[in-house]
Amino acid sequence: MRIAELLGGASGFMSLEFFPPKEEASWPAFFEDAGKLKAVTPLFTSVTYGAGGGTQSNTLDIVPKMKKDYGFEPMAHLTCVGASEERLRGFLDRLVESGIDNVLALRGDPPQGAAGFVPDGDGFKYAYDLVAFIKDNYPGLGVGVAAYPETHPDAASPEEDLRHLKEKLDRGGDFAITQLFFDNSLYWSFMEKARAAGIDKPIIPGIMPIFNLKVIKRITSLCGASIPKSLLTALEEAQESGGDAAVMNVGIEHATAQMQGLLDKGAHGVHLYTLNKAEACLKLYNNLRFGGV
């Protein structure tokens, strides 16, 4: 089913993002964790792949299994990195043949070590090029796109970034999921500006719990998200006094407060970047008032 149809009647939902392991030997553990998160009853799940197309073939194998064997409504990530019409058609044909109904269309991050994003050709420079291609050639697929409360790192300005978001949605995107953020006021301010710009489709807040201080510093340095000073201080003090376990506790507490705050203020749902950490995500879910697994 297209996610846009699910969103039409959804309220107080959680959706989940998974990152498929590179090595097939790790798949059993990955699916064991995914199975544990069935208890969350996610509205949908998304399955990413590495920068530069790494693990893309794994995504094509994993997404159908998540739908058939685990009962998830999965959405496969697809980027412009290394994209050609032939390659895109091959990916999308396999999705359709496998009964997958949704794609998250992204420009994508450059491969590790690359100075910046370089399109494979003239056809797919921006995410809206990819959205238009999917809608023109695979009209039955639902399409999600990305939104950036703190502005995409490559955008010239917040206003330009909003124009790009509107174009992605105008060209056929059904909904957007935000990049991670740690201050809910950023999301509500962004929503106000998006609505003022004429964007009326759903924009789901994306929340990434902080499970490891070193990892989150690396992620935020790449995506342009900021960690509030008070939160960063608490994380650094936790790292010094109790190590990674203490950092995770602080991260779960903050993510719980973020998610509950979003839901209480009227967000229809939240998209959780799981980092494949099932037990920690279940703990977070149980902290929420719609929890109780």
C-alpha atoms as a PDB file:
ATOM      1  CA  MET A   1       0.000   0.000   0.000  1.00  0.00           C
ATOM      2  CA  ARG A   2       1.203   3.528  -0.698  1.00  0.00           C
ATOM      3  CA  ILE A   3       2.318   5.292   2.462  1.00  0.00           C
ATOM      4  CA  ALA A   4       0.321   8.378   1.506  1.00  0.00           C
ATOM      5  CA  GLU A   5      -2.837   6.293   1.919  1.00  0.00           C
ATOM      6  CA  LEU A   6      -1.696   5.086   5.343  1.00  0.00           C
ATOM      7  CA  LEU A   7      -0.956   8.641   6.436  1.00  0.00           C
ATOM      8  CA  GLY A   8      -4.461   9.746   5.541  1.00  0.00           C
ATOM      9  CA  GLY A   9      -5.981   8.121   8.606  1.00  0.00           C
ATOM     10  CA  ALA A  10      -2.957   7.861  10.878  1.00  0.00           C
ATOM     11  CA  SER A  11      -2.467   9.591  14.206  1.00  0.00           C
ATOM     12  CA  GLY A  12       0.089   8.996  16.954  1.00  0.00           C
ATOM     13  CA  PHE A  13       2.113   6.612  14.801  1.00  0.00           C
ATOM     14  CA  MET A  14       5.749   5.605  14.713  1.00  0.00           C
ATOM     15  CA  SER A  15       7.668   4.638  11.592  1.00  0.00           C
ATOM     16  CA  LEU A  16      11.167   3.148  11.535  1.00  0.00           C
ATOM     17  CA  GLU A  17      14.345   3.379   9.473  1.00  0.00           C
ATOM     18  CA  PHE A  18      16.759   0.462   9.136  1.00  0.00           C
ATOM     19  CA  PHE A  19      20.258   0.298   7.673  1.00  0.00           C
ATOM     20  CA  PRO A  20      21.016  -3.052   6.024  1.00  0.00           C
ATOM     21  CA  PRO A  21      24.337  -4.645   6.993  1.00  0.00           C
ATOM     22  CA  LYS A  22      27.019  -4.876   4.340  1.00  0.00           C
ATOM     23  CA  GLU A  23      27.774  -8.540   4.872  1.00  0.00           C
ATOM     24  CA  GLU A  24      25.133 -11.197   4.263  1.00  0.00           C
ATOM     25  CA  ALA A  25      26.488 -13.116   7.261  1.00  0.00           C
ATOM     26  CA  SER A  26      25.039 -10.317   9.440  1.00  0.00           C
ATOM     27  CA  TRP A  27      21.536 -10.591   7.989  1.00  0.00           C
ATOM     28  CA  PRO A  28      20.182 -13.093  10.555  1.00  0.00           C
ATOM     29  CA  ALA A  29      21.036 -10.720  13.415  1.00  0.00           C
ATOM     30  CA  PHE A  30      19.594  -7.806  11.456  1.00  0.00           C
ATOM     31  CA  PHE A  31      16.296  -9.591  10.890  1.00  0.00           C
ATOM     32  CA  GLU A  32      16.195 -10.717  14.518  1.00  0.00           C
ATOM     33  CA  ASP A  33      16.340  -7.061  15.588  1.00  0.00           C
ATOM     34  CA  ALA A  34      13.796  -6.071  12.949  1.00  0.00           C
ATOM     35  CA  GLY A  35      11.493  -8.795  14.246  1.00  0.00           C
ATOM     36  CA  LYS A  36      11.730  -7.422  17.785  1.00  0.00           C
ATOM     37  CA  LEU A  37      10.554  -4.039  16.526  1.00  0.00           C
ATOM     38  CA  LYS A  38       7.343  -5.515  15.151  1.00  0.00           C
ATOM     39  CA  ALA A  39       6.070  -4.824  18.678  1.00  0.00           C
ATOM     40  CA  VAL A  40       6.128  -1.125  17.805  1.00  0.00           C
ATOM     41  CA  THR A  41       3.594  -1.787  15.007  1.00  0.00           C
ATOM     42  CA  PRO A  42       5.246   0.816  12.764  1.00  0.00           C
ATOM     43  CA  LEU A  43       3.044   2.488  10.184  1.00  0.00           C
ATOM     44  CA  PHE A  44       5.843   1.881   7.680  1.00  0.00           C
ATOM     45  CA  THR A  45       9.574   1.240   7.564  1.00  0.00           C
ATOM     46  CA  SER A  46      12.334   2.627   5.384  1.00  0.00           C
ATOM     47  CA  VAL A  47      15.494   0.820   4.329  1.00  0.00           C
ATOM     48  CA  THR A  48      18.531   2.861   3.398  1.00  0.00           C
ATOM     49  CA  TYR A  49      21.877   2.039   1.824  1.00  0.00           C
ATOM     50  CA  GLY A  50      25.396   3.401   2.054  1.00  0.00           C
ATOM     51  CA  ALA A  51      26.718   6.553   0.439  1.00  0.00           C
ATOM     52  CA  GLY A  52      27.764   6.047  -3.156  1.00  0.00           C
ATOM     53  CA  GLY A  53      25.377   3.124  -3.589  1.00  0.00           C
ATOM     54  CA  GLY A  54      26.963   0.836  -1.033  1.00  0.00           C
ATOM     55  CA  THR A  55      24.621  -1.982   0.082  1.00  0.00           C
ATOM     56  CA  GLN A  56      22.066  -1.000  -2.599  1.00  0.00           C
ATOM     57  CA  SER A  57      21.780  -4.585  -3.789  1.00  0.00           C
ATOM     58  CA  ASN A  58      21.248  -5.661  -0.170  1.00  0.00           C
ATOM     59  CA  THR A  59      18.327  -3.241   0.029  1.00  0.00           C
ATOM     60  CA  LEU A  60      16.705  -4.907  -2.971  1.00  0.00           C
ATOM     61  CA  ASP A  61      16.959  -8.276  -1.225  1.00  0.00           C
ATOM     62  CA  ILE A  62      16.004  -7.124   2.250  1.00  0.00           C
ATOM     63  CA  VAL A  63      12.983  -4.919   1.486  1.00  0.00           C
ATOM     64  CA  PRO A  64      10.798  -7.700  -0.025  1.00  0.00           C
ATOM     65  CA  LYS A  65      11.688 -10.008   2.875  1.00  0.00           C
ATOM     66  CA  MET A  66      10.640  -7.354   5.383  1.00  0.00           C
ATOM     67  CA  LYS A  67       7.260  -7.143   3.693  1.00  0.00           C
ATOM     68  CA  LYS A  68       6.650 -10.842   3.103  1.00  0.00           C
ATOM     69  CA  ASP A  69       8.132 -12.375   6.250  1.00  0.00           C
ATOM     70  CA  TYR A  70       7.696  -9.599   8.822  1.00  0.00           C
ATOM     71  CA  GLY A  71       4.554  -7.809   7.716  1.00  0.00           C
ATOM     72  CA  PHE A  72       6.141  -4.362   7.439  1.00  0.00           C
ATOM     73  CA  GLU A  73       5.134  -1.818   4.795  1.00  0.00           C
ATOM     74  CA  PRO A  74       8.653  -1.041   3.579  1.00  0.00           C
ATOM     75  CA  MET A  75       9.996   1.890   1.580  1.00  0.00           C
ATOM     76  CA  ALA A  76      13.301   1.576  -0.274  1.00  0.00           C
ATOM     77  CA  HIS A  77      15.745   4.473  -0.404  1.00  0.00           C
ATOM     78  CA  LEU A  78      16.928   5.525  -3.867  1.00  0.00           C
ATOM     79  CA  THR A  79      19.461   8.261  -4.620  1.00  0.00           C
ATOM     80  CA  CYS A  80      20.882  10.189  -7.552  1.00  0.00           C
ATOM     81  CA  VAL A  81      24.417   9.027  -6.731  1.00  0.00           C
ATOM     82  CA  GLY A  82      25.753   7.116  -9.720  1.00  0.00           C
ATOM     83  CA  ALA A  83      22.276   7.209 -11.228  1.00  0.00           C
ATOM     84  CA  SER A  84      21.595   6.539 -14.873  1.00  0.00           C
ATOM     85  CA  GLU A  85      18.222   5.817 -16.422  1.00  0.00           C
ATOM     86  CA  GLU A  86      19.222   2.208 -17.010  1.00  0.00           C
ATOM     87  CA  ARG A  87      20.356   1.686 -13.434  1.00  0.00           C
ATOM     88  CA  LEU A  88      17.265   3.347 -12.000  1.00  0.00           C
ATOM     89  CA  ARG A  89      14.939   1.293 -14.147  1.00  0.00           C
ATOM     90  CA  GLY A  90      16.692  -1.871 -13.036  1.00  0.00           C
ATOM     91  CA  PHE A  91      16.255  -0.950  -9.367  1.00  0.00           C
ATOM     92  CA  LEU A  92      12.643   0.167  -9.719  1.00  0.00           C
ATOM     93  CA  ASP A  93      11.647  -2.795 -11.876  1.00  0.00           C
ATOM     94  CA  ARG A  94      12.890  -5.159  -9.189  1.00  0.00           C
ATOM     95  CA  LEU A  95      10.957  -3.277  -6.519  1.00  0.00           C
ATOM     96  CA  VAL A  96       7.730  -3.426  -8.482  1.00  0.00           C
ATOM     97  CA  GLU A  97       8.227  -7.125  -9.283  1.00  0.00           C
ATOM     98  CA  SER A  98       8.698  -7.738  -5.533  1.00  0.00           C
ATOM     99  CA  GLY A  99       5.450  -5.997  -4.626  1.00  0.00           C
ATOM    100  CA  ILE A 100       7.048  -2.930  -3.053  1.00  0.00           C
ATOM    101  CA  ASP A 101       4.879   0.182  -3.312  1.00  0.00           C
ATOM    102  CA  ASN A 102       7.055   3.011  -1.948  1.00  0.00           C
ATOM    103  CA  VAL A 103      10.386   4.733  -2.596  1.00  0.00           C
ATOM    104  CA  LEU A 104      12.210   7.490  -0.718  1.00  0.00           C
ATOM    105  CA  ALA A 105      13.772   9.669  -3.431  1.00  0.00           C
ATOM    106  CA  LEU A 106      16.951  11.464  -2.344  1.00  0.00           C
ATOM    107  CA  ARG A 107      19.811  13.278  -3.976  1.00  0.00           C
ATOM    108  CA  GLY A 108      22.112  11.278  -1.737  1.00  0.00           C
ATOM    109  CA  ASP A 109      25.480  11.795  -0.103  1.00  0.00           C
ATOM    110  CA  PRO A 110      28.726  11.554  -2.062  1.00  0.00           C
ATOM    111  CA  PRO A 111      30.893   8.448  -1.600  1.00  0.00           C
ATOM    112  CA  GLN A 112      33.282   8.509   1.339  1.00  0.00           C
ATOM    113  CA  GLY A 113      36.334  10.609   0.512  1.00  0.00           C
ATOM    114  CA  ALA A 114      34.644  12.554  -2.289  1.00  0.00           C
ATOM    115  CA  ALA A 115      34.813  16.342  -2.080  1.00  0.00           C
ATOM    116  CA  GLY A 116      31.142  16.755  -2.929  1.00  0.00           C
ATOM    117  CA  PHE A 117      28.202  15.439  -4.903  1.00  0.00           C
ATOM    118  CA  VAL A 118      28.893  14.971  -8.612  1.00  0.00           C
ATOM    119  CA  PRO A 119      25.969  13.795 -10.785  1.00  0.00           C
ATOM    120  CA  ASP A 120      26.538  10.845 -13.094  1.00  0.00           C
ATOM    121  CA  GLY A 121      25.070  12.854 -15.978  1.00  0.00           C
ATOM    122  CA  ASP A 122      22.753  15.735 -16.708  1.00  0.00           C
ATOM    123  CA  GLY A 123      19.547  13.841 -15.946  1.00  0.00           C
ATOM    124  CA  PHE A 124      19.675  13.398 -12.156  1.00  0.00           C
ATOM    125  CA  LYS A 125      21.305  16.351 -10.447  1.00  0.00           C
ATOM    126  CA  TYR A 126      18.642  16.899  -7.806  1.00  0.00           C
ATOM    127  CA  ALA A 127      16.137  14.842  -5.878  1.00  0.00           C
ATOM    128  CA  TYR A 128      13.267  16.448  -7.785  1.00  0.00           C
ATOM    129  CA  ASP A 129      14.729  15.007 -11.026  1.00  0.00           C
ATOM    130  CA  LEU A 130      14.486  11.565  -9.467  1.00  0.00           C
ATOM    131  CA  VAL A 131      10.961  12.217  -8.180  1.00  0.00           C
ATOM    132  CA  ALA A 132       9.799  13.302 -11.641  1.00  0.00           C
ATOM    133  CA  PHE A 133      11.383  10.241 -13.279  1.00  0.00           C
ATOM    134  CA  ILE A 134       9.650   7.878 -10.849  1.00  0.00           C
ATOM    135  CA  LYS A 135       6.256   9.536 -11.208  1.00  0.00           C
ATOM    136  CA  ASP A 136       6.499   9.648 -15.017  1.00  0.00           C
ATOM    137  CA  ASN A 137       7.633   6.057 -15.426  1.00  0.00           C
ATOM    138  CA  TYR A 138       6.295   4.265 -12.327  1.00  0.00           C
ATOM    139  CA  PRO A 139       3.095   6.161 -11.461  1.00  0.00           C
ATOM    140  CA  GLY A 140       1.887   3.394  -9.170  1.00  0.00           C
ATOM    141  CA  LEU A 141       4.744   3.908  -6.716  1.00  0.00           C
ATOM    142  CA  GLY A 142       4.385   6.138  -3.695  1.00  0.00           C
ATOM    143  CA  VAL A 143       7.239   8.624  -3.298  1.00  0.00           C
ATOM    144  CA  GLY A 144       8.635  10.166  -0.134  1.00  0.00           C
ATOM    145  CA  VAL A 145      11.251  12.938  -0.030  1.00  0.00           C
ATOM    146  CA  ALA A 146      13.540  14.535   2.554  1.00  0.00           C
ATOM    147  CA  ALA A 147      13.118  17.855   4.371  1.00  0.00           C
ATOM    148  CA  TYR A 148      15.739  19.787   6.325  1.00  0.00           C
ATOM    149  CA  PRO A 149      14.680  21.819   9.381  1.00  0.00           C
ATOM    150  CA  GLU A 150      18.207  23.240   9.661  1.00  0.00           C
ATOM    151  CA  THR A 151      18.661  23.597   5.872  1.00  0.00           C
ATOM    152  CA  HIS A 152      20.516  21.200   3.575  1.00  0.00           C
ATOM    153  CA  PRO A 153      24.282  21.759   3.862  1.00  0.00           C
ATOM    154  CA  ASP A 154      24.548  22.443   0.117  1.00  0.00           C
ATOM    155  CA  ALA A 155      21.620  24.873  -0.078  1.00  0.00           C
ATOM    156  CA  ALA A 156      22.441  28.532  -0.649  1.00  0.00           C
ATOM    157  CA  SER A 157      19.803  29.625   1.856  1.00  0.00           C
ATOM    158  CA  PRO A 158      16.845  28.321   3.884  1.00  0.00           C
ATOM    159  CA  GLU A 159      14.535  29.935   1.337  1.00  0.00           C
ATOM    160  CA  GLU A 160      16.181  28.096  -1.545  1.00  0.00           C
ATOM    161  CA  ASP A 161      16.003  24.851   0.402  1.00  0.00           C
ATOM    162  CA  LEU A 162      12.248  25.330   0.927  1.00  0.00           C
ATOM    163  CA  ARG A 163      11.810  25.975  -2.793  1.00  0.00           C
ATOM    164  CA  HIS A 164      13.567  22.688  -3.521  1.00  0.00           C
ATOM    165  CA  LEU A 165      11.298  20.877  -1.058  1.00  0.00           C
ATOM    166  CA  LYS A 166       8.204  22.371  -2.670  1.00  0.00           C
ATOM    167  CA  GLU A 167       9.443  21.362  -6.114  1.00  0.00           C
ATOM    168  CA  LYS A 168      10.032  17.782  -4.946  1.00  0.00           C
ATOM    169  CA  LEU A 169       6.496  17.614  -3.620  1.00  0.00           C
ATOM    170  CA  ASP A 170       4.973  19.439  -6.594  1.00  0.00           C
ATOM    171  CA  ARG A 171       6.643  17.019  -9.006  1.00  0.00           C
ATOM    172  CA  GLY A 172       5.056  14.030  -7.299  1.00  0.00           C
ATOM    173  CA  GLY A 173       6.375  13.537  -3.789  1.00  0.00           C
ATOM    174  CA  ASP A 174       3.575  12.381  -1.484  1.00  0.00           C
ATOM    175  CA  PHE A 175       5.139  13.346   1.843  1.00  0.00           C
ATOM    176  CA  ALA A 176       8.442  14.314   3.437  1.00  0.00           C
ATOM    177  CA  ILE A 177      10.516  12.995   6.334  1.00  0.00           C
ATOM    178  CA  THR A 178      12.846  15.421   8.065  1.00  0.00           C
ATOM    179  CA  GLN A 179      16.533  15.112   8.671  1.00  0.00           C
ATOM    180  CA  LEU A 180      17.372  14.528  12.328  1.00  0.00           C
ATOM    181  CA  PHE A 181      17.139  17.436  14.755  1.00  0.00           C
ATOM    182  CA  PHE A 182      17.436  17.747  18.545  1.00  0.00           C
ATOM    183  CA  ASP A 183      15.377  20.854  19.289  1.00  0.00           C
ATOM    184  CA  ASN A 184      11.652  20.612  18.573  1.00  0.00           C
ATOM    185  CA  SER A 185      11.364  24.357  18.049  1.00  0.00           C
ATOM    186  CA  LEU A 186      13.362  23.857  14.835  1.00  0.00           C
ATOM    187  CA  TYR A 187      10.676  21.515  13.505  1.00  0.00           C
ATOM    188  CA  TRP A 188       7.743  23.765  14.382  1.00  0.00           C
ATOM    189  CA  SER A 189       9.467  26.834  12.949  1.00  0.00           C
ATOM    190  CA  PHE A 190      10.226  24.882   9.778  1.00  0.00           C
ATOM    191  CA  MET A 191       6.622  23.712   9.535  1.00  0.00           C
ATOM    192  CA  GLU A 192       5.363  27.283   9.835  1.00  0.00           C
ATOM    193  CA  LYS A 193       7.658  28.402   7.012  1.00  0.00           C
ATOM    194  CA  ALA A 194       6.763  25.398   4.856  1.00  0.00           C
ATOM    195  CA  ARG A 195       3.036  26.048   5.184  1.00  0.00           C
ATOM    196  CA  ALA A 196       3.594  29.733   4.409  1.00  0.00           C
ATOM    197  CA  ALA A 197       5.464  28.654   1.263  1.00  0.00           C
ATOM    198  CA  GLY A 198       2.421  26.697   0.086  1.00  0.00           C
ATOM    199  CA  ILE A 199       3.584  23.231   1.150  1.00  0.00           C
ATOM    200  CA  ASP A 200       0.563  21.343   2.445  1.00  0.00           C
ATOM    201  CA  LYS A 201       1.639  17.702   2.253  1.00  0.00           C
ATOM    202  CA  PRO A 202       2.652  15.741   5.399  1.00  0.00           C
ATOM    203  CA  ILE A 203       6.106  16.421   6.834  1.00  0.00           C
ATOM    204  CA  ILE A 204       7.031  13.715   9.349  1.00  0.00           C
ATOM    205  CA  PRO A 205       9.610  14.632  12.005  1.00  0.00           C
ATOM    206  CA  GLY A 206      12.646  12.343  11.967  1.00  0.00           C
ATOM    207  CA  ILE A 207      14.218  11.566  15.337  1.00  0.00           C
ATOM    208  CA  MET A 208      17.612   9.943  15.845  1.00  0.00           C
ATOM    209  CA  PRO A 209      18.293   8.821  19.420  1.00  0.00           C
ATOM    210  CA  ILE A 210      21.869   9.406  20.546  1.00  0.00           C
ATOM    211  CA  PHE A 211      23.351   6.023  21.365  1.00  0.00           C
ATOM    212  CA  ASN A 212      27.039   6.917  20.970  1.00  0.00           C
ATOM    213  CA  LEU A 213      28.700  10.320  21.303  1.00  0.00           C
ATOM    214  CA  LYS A 214      31.413   9.767  18.703  1.00  0.00           C
ATOM    215  CA  VAL A 215      28.905   8.472  16.139  1.00  0.00           C
ATOM    216  CA  ILE A 216      26.439  11.333  16.567  1.00  0.00           C
ATOM    217  CA  LYS A 217      29.213  13.941  16.290  1.00  0.00           C
ATOM    218  CA  ARG A 218      30.250  12.377  12.982  1.00  0.00           C
ATOM    219  CA  ILE A 219      26.664  12.212  11.689  1.00  0.00           C
ATOM    220  CA  THR A 220      25.858  15.816  12.581  1.00  0.00           C
ATOM    221  CA  SER A 221      29.099  17.024  10.991  1.00  0.00           C
ATOM    222  CA  LEU A 222      27.973  15.447   7.715  1.00  0.00           C
ATOM    223  CA  CYS A 223      24.310  16.485   7.672  1.00  0.00           C
ATOM    224  CA  GLY A 224      24.522  19.940   9.214  1.00  0.00           C
ATOM    225  CA  ALA A 225      22.311  19.228  12.223  1.00  0.00           C
ATOM    226  CA  SER A 226      23.214  20.907  15.514  1.00  0.00           C
ATOM    227  CA  ILE A 227      23.324  19.504  19.039  1.00  0.00           C
ATOM    228  CA  PRO A 228      22.081  22.003  21.645  1.00  0.00           C
ATOM    229  CA  LYS A 229      24.846  23.079  24.000  1.00  0.00           C
ATOM    230  CA  SER A 230      23.052  21.826  27.111  1.00  0.00           C
ATOM    231  CA  LEU A 231      22.515  18.390  25.548  1.00  0.00           C
ATOM    232  CA  LEU A 232      26.105  18.178  24.333  1.00  0.00           C
ATOM    233  CA  THR A 233      27.368  19.047  27.816  1.00  0.00           C
ATOM    234  CA  ALA A 234      25.160  16.356  29.366  1.00  0.00           C
ATOM    235  CA  LEU A 235      26.408  13.800  26.841  1.00  0.00           C
ATOM    236  CA  GLU A 236      30.059  14.662  27.406  1.00  0.00           C
ATOM    237  CA  GLU A 237      29.644  14.474  31.166  1.00  0.00           C
ATOM    238  CA  ALA A 238      27.897  11.129  30.810  1.00  0.00           C
ATOM    239  CA  GLN A 239      30.711   9.846  28.603  1.00  0.00           C
ATOM    240  CA  GLU A 240      33.296  10.884  31.155  1.00  0.00           C
ATOM    241  CA  SER A 241      31.476   9.452  34.163  1.00  0.00           C
ATOM    242  CA  GLY A 242      29.785   6.344  32.778  1.00  0.00           C
ATOM    243  CA  GLY A 243      30.957   5.686  29.231  1.00  0.00           C
ATOM    244  CA  ASP A 244      28.768   4.626  26.308  1.00  0.00           C
ATOM    245  CA  ALA A 245      26.019   3.149  28.506  1.00  0.00           C
ATOM    246  CA  ALA A 246      25.542   6.468  30.290  1.00  0.00           C
ATOM    247  CA  VAL A 247      25.526   8.330  26.973  1.00  0.00           C
ATOM    248  CA  MET A 248      22.807   6.004  25.695  1.00  0.00           C
ATOM    249  CA  ASN A 249      20.672   6.688  28.770  1.00  0.00           C
ATOM    250  CA  VAL A 250      20.934  10.438  28.200  1.00  0.00           C
ATOM    251  CA  GLY A 251      20.187   9.955  24.517  1.00  0.00           C
ATOM    252  CA  ILE A 252      17.099   7.847  25.149  1.00  0.00           C
ATOM    253  CA  GLU A 253      15.809  10.321  27.732  1.00  0.00           C
ATOM    254  CA  HIS A 254      16.218  13.222  25.297  1.00  0.00           C
ATOM    255  CA  ALA A 255      14.662  11.348  22.361  1.00  0.00           C
ATOM    256  CA  THR A 256      11.709  10.332  24.548  1.00  0.00           C
ATOM    257  CA  ALA A 257      11.097  13.948  25.529  1.00  0.00           C
ATOM    258  CA  GLN A 258      11.406  15.048  21.905  1.00  0.00           C
ATOM    259  CA  MET A 259       8.987  12.462  20.571  1.00  0.00           C
ATOM    260  CA  GLN A 260       6.433  12.935  23.328  1.00  0.00           C
ATOM    261  CA  GLY A 261       6.634  16.690  22.880  1.00  0.00           C
ATOM    262  CA  LEU A 262       6.037  16.405  19.140  1.00  0.00           C
ATOM    263  CA  LEU A 263       3.057  14.111  19.573  1.00  0.00           C
ATOM    264  CA  ASP A 264       1.560  16.213  22.366  1.00  0.00           C
ATOM    265  CA  LYS A 265       1.806  19.367  20.244  1.00  0.00           C
ATOM    266  CA  GLY A 266       0.049  17.812  17.274  1.00  0.00           C
ATOM    267  CA  ALA A 267       2.527  15.905  15.123  1.00  0.00           C
ATOM    268  CA  HIS A 268       0.630  12.992  13.566  1.00  0.00           C
ATOM    269  CA  GLY A 269       3.600  10.686  14.100  1.00  0.00           C
ATOM    270  CA  VAL A 270       7.384  10.379  14.295  1.00  0.00           C
ATOM    271  CA  HIS A 271       9.949   8.597  12.152  1.00  0.00           C
ATOM    272  CA  LEU A 272      12.599   6.883  14.290  1.00  0.00           C
ATOM    273  CA  TYR A 273      16.116   6.378  12.932  1.00  0.00           C
ATOM    274  CA  THR A 274      16.755   3.073  14.697  1.00  0.00           C
ATOM    275  CA  LEU A 275      20.446   2.578  13.868  1.00  0.00           C
ATOM    276  CA  ASN A 276      19.386  -1.099  14.078  1.00  0.00           C
ATOM    277  CA  LYS A 277      19.387  -0.869  17.900  1.00  0.00           C
ATOM    278  CA  ALA A 278      16.212  -2.827  18.660  1.00  0.00           C
ATOM    279  CA  GLU A 279      16.470  -3.061  22.453  1.00  0.00           C
ATOM    280  CA  ALA A 280      17.215   0.640  22.882  1.00  0.00           C
ATOM    281  CA  CYS A 281      14.382   1.593  20.521  1.00  0.00           C
ATOM    282  CA  LEU A 282      11.955  -0.633  22.406  1.00  0.00           C
ATOM    283  CA  LYS A 283      12.995   1.029  25.653  1.00  0.00           C
ATOM    284  CA  LEU A 284      12.350   4.415  24.078  1.00  0.00           C
ATOM    285  CA  TYR A 285       8.970   3.281  22.746  1.00  0.00           C
ATOM    286  CA  ASN A 286       7.916   1.984  26.148  1.00  0.00           C
ATOM    287  CA  ASN A 287       8.709   5.393  27.638  1.00  0.00           C
ATOM    288  CA  LEU A 288       6.087   7.024  25.412  1.00  0.00           C
ATOM    289  CA  ARG A 289       2.461   7.288  26.380  1.00  0.00           C
ATOM    290  CA  PHE A 290       1.399   5.391  23.287  1.00  0.00           C
ATOM    291  CA  GLY A 291       3.857   2.653  24.335  1.00  0.00           C
ATOM    292  CA  GLY A 292       3.262  -0.245  26.662  1.00  0.00           C
ATOM    293  CA  VAL A 293       4.735  -3.174  24.756  1.00  0.00           C
END
